[in-house]
PDB file of N, CA and C in Angstrom:
ATOM      1  N   MET A   1     -20.834  10.008 -25.119  1.00  0.00           N
ATOM      2  CA  MET A   1     -19.846  10.271 -24.091  1.00  0.00           C
ATOM      3  C   MET A   1     -20.273  11.497 -23.291  1.00  0.00           C
ATOM      4  N   ARG A   2     -19.985  11.420 -21.987  1.00  0.00           N
ATOM      5  CA  ARG A   2     -20.317  12.537 -21.093  1.00  0.00           C
ATOM      6  C   ARG A   2     -19.083  12.916 -20.295  1.00  0.00           C
ATOM      7  N   THR A   3     -19.007  14.187 -19.922  1.00  0.00           N
ATOM      8  CA  THR A   3     -17.887  14.679 -19.126  1.00  0.00           C
ATOM      9  C   THR A   3     -18.360  14.985 -17.713  1.00  0.00           C
ATOM     10  N   PHE A   4     -17.615  14.479 -16.741  1.00  0.00           N
ATOM     11  CA  PHE A   4     -17.918  14.667 -15.327  1.00  0.00           C
ATOM     12  C   PHE A   4     -16.752  15.383 -14.659  1.00  0.00           C
ATOM     13  N   SER A   5     -17.036  16.081 -13.577  1.00  0.00           N
ATOM     14  CA  SER A   5     -16.004  16.740 -12.778  1.00  0.00           C
ATOM     15  C   SER A   5     -15.736  15.886 -11.544  1.00  0.00           C
ATOM     16  N   LEU A   6     -14.466  15.631 -11.294  1.00  0.00           N
ATOM     17  CA  LEU A   6     -14.063  14.854 -10.131  1.00  0.00           C
ATOM     18  C   LEU A   6     -13.187  15.732  -9.248  1.00  0.00           C
ATOM     19  N   PHE A   7     -13.641  15.971  -8.027  1.00  0.00           N
ATOM     20  CA  PHE A   7     -12.891  16.764  -7.060  1.00  0.00           C
ATOM     21  C   PHE A   7     -12.229  15.797  -6.085  1.00  0.00           C
ATOM     22  N   ILE A   8     -10.910  15.902  -5.951  1.00  0.00           N
ATOM     23  CA  ILE A   8     -10.139  14.984  -5.126  1.00  0.00           C
ATOM     24  C   ILE A   8      -9.545  15.752  -3.951  1.00  0.00           C
ATOM     25  N   THR A   9      -9.885  15.346  -2.738  1.00  0.00           N
ATOM     26  CA  THR A   9      -9.282  15.938  -1.547  1.00  0.00           C
ATOM     27  C   THR A   9      -7.987  15.195  -1.278  1.00  0.00           C
ATOM     28  N   ASP A  10      -6.894  15.936  -1.291  1.00  0.00           N
ATOM     29  CA  ASP A  10      -5.550  15.380  -1.184  1.00  0.00           C
ATOM     30  C   ASP A  10      -4.841  16.079  -0.028  1.00  0.00           C
ATOM     31  N   THR A  11      -4.210  15.309   0.833  1.00  0.00           N
ATOM     32  CA  THR A  11      -3.563  15.893   2.016  1.00  0.00           C
ATOM     33  C   THR A  11      -2.412  16.824   1.672  1.00  0.00           C
ATOM     34  N   ARG A  12      -1.892  16.737   0.469  1.00  0.00           N
ATOM     35  CA  ARG A  12      -0.743  17.562   0.095  1.00  0.00           C
ATOM     36  C   ARG A  12      -1.123  18.971  -0.345  1.00  0.00           C
ATOM     37  N   TYR A  13      -2.417  19.198  -0.577  1.00  0.00           N
ATOM     38  CA  TYR A  13      -2.847  20.490  -1.124  1.00  0.00           C
ATOM     39  C   TYR A  13      -3.953  21.090  -0.273  1.00  0.00           C
ATOM     40  N   SER A  14      -4.062  22.411  -0.304  1.00  0.00           N
ATOM     41  CA  SER A  14      -5.067  23.094   0.523  1.00  0.00           C
ATOM     42  C   SER A  14      -6.432  23.181  -0.158  1.00  0.00           C
ATOM     43  N   VAL A  15      -6.486  22.935  -1.446  1.00  0.00           N
ATOM     44  CA  VAL A  15      -7.762  22.951  -2.174  1.00  0.00           C
ATOM     45  C   VAL A  15      -7.907  21.635  -2.937  1.00  0.00           C
ATOM     46  N   PRO A  16      -9.139  21.205  -3.210  1.00  0.00           N
ATOM     47  CA  PRO A  16      -9.326  19.957  -3.969  1.00  0.00           C
ATOM     48  C   PRO A  16      -8.745  20.059  -5.381  1.00  0.00           C
ATOM     49  N   THR A  17      -8.267  18.935  -5.858  1.00  0.00           N
ATOM     50  CA  THR A  17      -7.787  18.833  -7.236  1.00  0.00           C
ATOM     51  C   THR A  17      -8.980  18.535  -8.134  1.00  0.00           C
ATOM     52  N   LEU A  18      -9.064  19.218  -9.275  1.00  0.00           N
ATOM     53  CA  LEU A  18     -10.147  19.003 -10.229  1.00  0.00           C
ATOM     54  C   LEU A  18      -9.635  18.151 -11.380  1.00  0.00           C
ATOM     55  N   ALA A  19     -10.366  17.086 -11.670  1.00  0.00           N
ATOM     56  CA  ALA A  19     -10.077  16.252 -12.836  1.00  0.00           C
ATOM     57  C   ALA A  19     -11.360  16.155 -13.654  1.00  0.00           C
ATOM     58  N   LEU A  20     -11.258  16.333 -14.953  1.00  0.00           N
ATOM     59  CA  LEU A  20     -12.400  16.153 -15.850  1.00  0.00           C
ATOM     60  C   LEU A  20     -12.258  14.786 -16.493  1.00  0.00           C
ATOM     61  N   ILE A  21     -13.320  13.986 -16.400  1.00  0.00           N
ATOM     62  CA  ILE A  21     -13.281  12.654 -16.990  1.00  0.00           C
ATOM     63  C   ILE A  21     -14.434  12.503 -17.982  1.00  0.00           C
ATOM     64  N   THR A  22     -14.131  11.916 -19.113  1.00  0.00           N
ATOM     65  CA  THR A  22     -15.128  11.692 -20.155  1.00  0.00           C
ATOM     66  C   THR A  22     -15.306  10.186 -20.318  1.00  0.00           C
ATOM     67  N   VAL A  23     -16.518   9.738 -20.063  1.00  0.00           N
ATOM     68  CA  VAL A  23     -16.831   8.305 -20.096  1.00  0.00           C
ATOM     69  C   VAL A  23     -18.209   8.094 -20.720  1.00  0.00           C
ATOM     70  N   GLU A  24     -18.560   6.831 -20.903  1.00  0.00           N
ATOM     71  CA  GLU A  24     -19.844   6.478 -21.518  1.00  0.00           C
ATOM     72  C   GLU A  24     -21.053   6.888 -20.686  1.00  0.00           C
ATOM     73  N   ASP A  25     -20.980   6.633 -19.356  1.00  0.00           N
ATOM     74  CA  ASP A  25     -22.159   6.884 -18.529  1.00  0.00           C
ATOM     75  C   ASP A  25     -21.770   7.166 -17.088  1.00  0.00           C
ATOM     76  N   GLU A  26     -22.777   7.435 -16.282  1.00  0.00           N
ATOM     77  CA  GLU A  26     -22.591   7.777 -14.875  1.00  0.00           C
ATOM     78  C   GLU A  26     -21.927   6.651 -14.091  1.00  0.00           C
ATOM     79  N   GLN A  27     -22.293   5.416 -14.354  1.00  0.00           N
ATOM     80  CA  GLN A  27     -21.718   4.280 -13.630  1.00  0.00           C
ATOM     81  C   GLN A  27     -20.217   4.169 -13.883  1.00  0.00           C
ATOM     82  N   CYS A  28     -19.785   4.382 -15.102  1.00  0.00           N
ATOM     83  CA  CYS A  28     -18.349   4.352 -15.410  1.00  0.00           C
ATOM     84  C   CYS A  28     -17.624   5.462 -14.659  1.00  0.00           C
ATOM     85  N   ALA A  29     -18.230   6.628 -14.570  1.00  0.00           N
ATOM     86  CA  ALA A  29     -17.634   7.752 -13.851  1.00  0.00           C
ATOM     87  C   ALA A  29     -17.491   7.428 -12.366  1.00  0.00           C
ATOM     88  N   ILE A  30     -18.500   6.799 -11.794  1.00  0.00           N
ATOM     89  CA  ILE A  30     -18.448   6.415 -10.376  1.00  0.00           C
ATOM     90  C   ILE A  30     -17.340   5.400 -10.138  1.00  0.00           C
ATOM     91  N   GLU A  31     -17.187   4.436 -11.021  1.00  0.00           N
ATOM     92  CA  GLU A  31     -16.129   3.433 -10.873  1.00  0.00           C
ATOM     93  C   GLU A  31     -14.748   4.085 -10.941  1.00  0.00           C
ATOM     94  N   LEU A  32     -14.575   5.062 -11.823  1.00  0.00           N
ATOM     95  CA  LEU A  32     -13.299   5.768 -11.899  1.00  0.00           C
ATOM     96  C   LEU A  32     -13.040   6.582 -10.634  1.00  0.00           C
ATOM     97  N   ALA A  33     -14.072   7.188 -10.085  1.00  0.00           N
ATOM     98  CA  ALA A  33     -13.933   7.956  -8.851  1.00  0.00           C
ATOM     99  C   ALA A  33     -13.515   7.045  -7.703  1.00  0.00           C
ATOM    100  N   LYS A  34     -14.135   5.887  -7.593  1.00  0.00           N
ATOM    101  CA  LYS A  34     -13.766   4.927  -6.551  1.00  0.00           C
ATOM    102  C   LYS A  34     -12.313   4.485  -6.713  1.00  0.00           C
ATOM    103  N   ALA A  35     -11.917   4.217  -7.941  1.00  0.00           N
ATOM    104  CA  ALA A  35     -10.544   3.784  -8.206  1.00  0.00           C
ATOM    105  C   ALA A  35      -9.550   4.881  -7.843  1.00  0.00           C
ATOM    106  N   ASP A  36      -9.901   6.118  -8.127  1.00  0.00           N
ATOM    107  CA  ASP A  36      -8.999   7.222  -7.819  1.00  0.00           C
ATOM    108  C   ASP A  36      -8.774   7.361  -6.320  1.00  0.00           C
ATOM    109  N   LEU A  37      -9.801   7.121  -5.540  1.00  0.00           N
ATOM    110  CA  LEU A  37      -9.682   7.229  -4.087  1.00  0.00           C
ATOM    111  C   LEU A  37      -8.639   6.241  -3.553  1.00  0.00           C
ATOM    112  N   GLY A  38      -8.569   5.072  -4.142  1.00  0.00           N
ATOM    113  CA  GLY A  38      -7.609   4.070  -3.702  1.00  0.00           C
ATOM    114  C   GLY A  38      -6.245   4.185  -4.345  1.00  0.00           C
ATOM    115  N   ARG A  39      -6.114   5.074  -5.296  1.00  0.00           N
ATOM    116  CA  ARG A  39      -4.875   5.200  -6.066  1.00  0.00           C
ATOM    117  C   ARG A  39      -3.711   5.771  -5.263  1.00  0.00           C
ATOM    118  N   SER A  40      -4.000   6.585  -4.260  1.00  0.00           N
ATOM    119  CA  SER A  40      -2.934   7.239  -3.503  1.00  0.00           C
ATOM    120  C   SER A  40      -3.281   7.298  -2.024  1.00  0.00           C
ATOM    121  N   GLU A  41      -2.271   7.130  -1.199  1.00  0.00           N
ATOM    122  CA  GLU A  41      -2.482   7.257   0.238  1.00  0.00           C
ATOM    123  C   GLU A  41      -2.840   8.688   0.625  1.00  0.00           C
ATOM    124  N   PHE A  42      -2.546   9.641  -0.229  1.00  0.00           N
ATOM    125  CA  PHE A  42      -2.818  11.052   0.037  1.00  0.00           C
ATOM    126  C   PHE A  42      -4.250  11.463  -0.309  1.00  0.00           C
ATOM    127  N   HIS A  43      -4.936  10.657  -1.102  1.00  0.00           N
ATOM    128  CA  HIS A  43      -6.310  10.973  -1.495  1.00  0.00           C
ATOM    129  C   HIS A  43      -7.252  10.566  -0.358  1.00  0.00           C
ATOM    130  N   LEU A  44      -7.902  11.558   0.231  1.00  0.00           N
ATOM    131  CA  LEU A  44      -8.786  11.292   1.365  1.00  0.00           C
ATOM    132  C   LEU A  44     -10.252  11.189   0.983  1.00  0.00           C
ATOM    133  N   ALA A  45     -10.644  11.879  -0.093  1.00  0.00           N
ATOM    134  CA  ALA A  45     -12.054  11.869  -0.494  1.00  0.00           C
ATOM    135  C   ALA A  45     -12.172  12.224  -1.966  1.00  0.00           C
ATOM    136  N   VAL A  46     -13.270  11.770  -2.566  1.00  0.00           N
ATOM    137  CA  VAL A  46     -13.597  12.150  -3.947  1.00  0.00           C
ATOM    138  C   VAL A  46     -15.058  12.589  -3.993  1.00  0.00           C
ATOM    139  N   GLU A  47     -15.325  13.528  -4.878  1.00  0.00           N
ATOM    140  CA  GLU A  47     -16.691  13.995  -5.094  1.00  0.00           C
ATOM    141  C   GLU A  47     -16.882  14.151  -6.601  1.00  0.00           C
ATOM    142  N   LEU A  48     -17.892  13.465  -7.123  1.00  0.00           N
ATOM    143  CA  LEU A  48     -18.146  13.430  -8.557  1.00  0.00           C
ATOM    144  C   LEU A  48     -19.371  14.273  -8.880  1.00  0.00           C
ATOM    145  N   HIS A  49     -19.241  15.129  -9.895  1.00  0.00           N
ATOM    146  CA  HIS A  49     -20.341  16.012 -10.291  1.00  0.00           C
ATOM    147  C   HIS A  49     -20.678  15.836 -11.767  1.00  0.00           C
ATOM    148  N   ASP A  50     -21.962  15.928 -12.045  1.00  0.00           N
ATOM    149  CA  ASP A  50     -22.477  16.001 -13.414  1.00  0.00           C
ATOM    150  C   ASP A  50     -23.063  17.399 -13.531  1.00  0.00           C
ATOM    151  N   GLY A  51     -22.284  18.303 -14.087  1.00  0.00           N
ATOM    152  CA  GLY A  51     -22.698  19.711 -14.083  1.00  0.00           C
ATOM    153  C   GLY A  51     -22.635  20.229 -12.655  1.00  0.00           C
ATOM    154  N   LYS A  52     -23.726  20.781 -12.175  1.00  0.00           N
ATOM    155  CA  LYS A  52     -23.779  21.312 -10.815  1.00  0.00           C
ATOM    156  C   LYS A  52     -24.258  20.271  -9.800  1.00  0.00           C
ATOM    157  N   ARG A  53     -24.671  19.112 -10.275  1.00  0.00           N
ATOM    158  CA  ARG A  53     -25.261  18.083  -9.417  1.00  0.00           C
ATOM    159  C   ARG A  53     -24.204  17.089  -8.934  1.00  0.00           C
ATOM    160  N   ALA A  54     -24.060  16.983  -7.611  1.00  0.00           N
ATOM    161  CA  ALA A  54     -23.163  15.972  -7.036  1.00  0.00           C
ATOM    162  C   ALA A  54     -23.842  14.614  -7.164  1.00  0.00           C
ATOM    163  N   ILE A  55     -23.149  13.651  -7.753  1.00  0.00           N
ATOM    164  CA  ILE A  55     -23.760  12.337  -7.962  1.00  0.00           C
ATOM    165  C   ILE A  55     -23.091  11.239  -7.139  1.00  0.00           C
ATOM    166  N   PHE A  56     -21.904  11.518  -6.594  1.00  0.00           N
ATOM    167  CA  PHE A  56     -21.206  10.502  -5.803  1.00  0.00           C
ATOM    168  C   PHE A  56     -20.201  11.179  -4.895  1.00  0.00           C
ATOM    169  N   LYS A  57     -20.164  10.734  -3.635  1.00  0.00           N
ATOM    170  CA  LYS A  57     -19.177  11.221  -2.673  1.00  0.00           C
ATOM    171  C   LYS A  57     -18.690  10.030  -1.865  1.00  0.00           C
ATOM    172  N   LYS A  58     -17.377   9.973  -1.652  1.00  0.00           N
ATOM    173  CA  LYS A  58     -16.828   8.903  -0.814  1.00  0.00           C
ATOM    174  C   LYS A  58     -15.560   9.418  -0.151  1.00  0.00           C
ATOM    175  N   ALA A  59     -15.403   9.072   1.122  1.00  0.00           N
ATOM    176  CA  ALA A  59     -14.223   9.472   1.879  1.00  0.00           C
ATOM    177  C   ALA A  59     -13.638   8.268   2.581  1.00  0.00           C
ATOM    178  N   LYS A  60     -12.330   8.280   2.745  1.00  0.00           N
ATOM    179  CA  LYS A  60     -11.668   7.248   3.534  1.00  0.00           C
ATOM    180  C   LYS A  60     -11.910   7.549   5.003  1.00  0.00           C
ATOM    181  N   THR A  61     -11.928   6.504   5.799  1.00  0.00           N
ATOM    182  CA  THR A  61     -12.042   6.708   7.245  1.00  0.00           C
ATOM    183  C   THR A  61     -10.646   6.858   7.830  1.00  0.00           C
ATOM    184  N   ILE A  62     -10.532   7.586   8.893  1.00  0.00           N
ATOM    185  CA  ILE A  62      -9.237   7.805   9.534  1.00  0.00           C
ATOM    186  C   ILE A  62      -8.667   6.484  10.022  1.00  0.00           C
ATOM    187  N   ALA A  63      -9.498   5.662  10.634  1.00  0.00           N
ATOM    188  CA  ALA A  63      -9.032   4.380  11.167  1.00  0.00           C
ATOM    189  C   ALA A  63      -8.515   3.472  10.050  1.00  0.00           C
ATOM    190  N   ALA A  64      -9.173   3.500   8.915  1.00  0.00           N
ATOM    191  CA  ALA A  64      -8.762   2.650   7.793  1.00  0.00           C
ATOM    192  C   ALA A  64      -7.404   3.041   7.264  1.00  0.00           C
ATOM    193  N   GLU A  65      -7.035   4.290   7.410  1.00  0.00           N
ATOM    194  CA  GLU A  65      -5.757   4.763   6.916  1.00  0.00           C
ATOM    195  C   GLU A  65      -4.640   4.650   7.955  1.00  0.00           C
ATOM    196  N   GLY A  66      -4.971   4.156   9.139  1.00  0.00           N
ATOM    197  CA  GLY A  66      -3.957   4.002  10.165  1.00  0.00           C
ATOM    198  C   GLY A  66      -3.547   5.313  10.796  1.00  0.00           C
ATOM    199  N   LEU A  67      -4.354   6.329  10.632  1.00  0.00           N
ATOM    200  CA  LEU A  67      -4.023   7.636  11.179  1.00  0.00           C
ATOM    201  C   LEU A  67      -4.504   7.806  12.615  1.00  0.00           C
ATOM    202  N   LEU A  68      -5.369   6.925  13.033  1.00  0.00           N
ATOM    203  CA  LEU A  68      -5.897   6.990  14.380  1.00  0.00           C
ATOM    204  C   LEU A  68      -5.167   5.963  15.230  1.00  0.00           C
ATOM    205  N   ARG A  69      -4.509   6.436  16.260  1.00  0.00           N
ATOM    206  CA  ARG A  69      -3.758   5.535  17.139  1.00  0.00           C
ATOM    207  C   ARG A  69      -4.573   5.208  18.378  1.00  0.00           C
ATOM    208  N   ALA A  70      -4.530   3.964  18.762  1.00  0.00           N
ATOM    209  CA  ALA A  70      -5.274   3.522  19.953  1.00  0.00           C
ATOM    210  C   ALA A  70      -4.528   3.880  21.214  1.00  0.00           C
TER     211      ALA A  70
END
């Protein structure tokens, strides 16, 4: 088992939320990070770290969230 750091950018807070996740491998951690991004309308981005190394980053697009008006 390995522990990864997940930083979640949330519109409700001024700093990213830190979550520590312990999973079997890097791929499982990435899948959890992707799932977390879709878990809340307030979650705008996730960044996954293994120690000091960023291994995954994903952000929602403004248009996808309906925040951009035509």
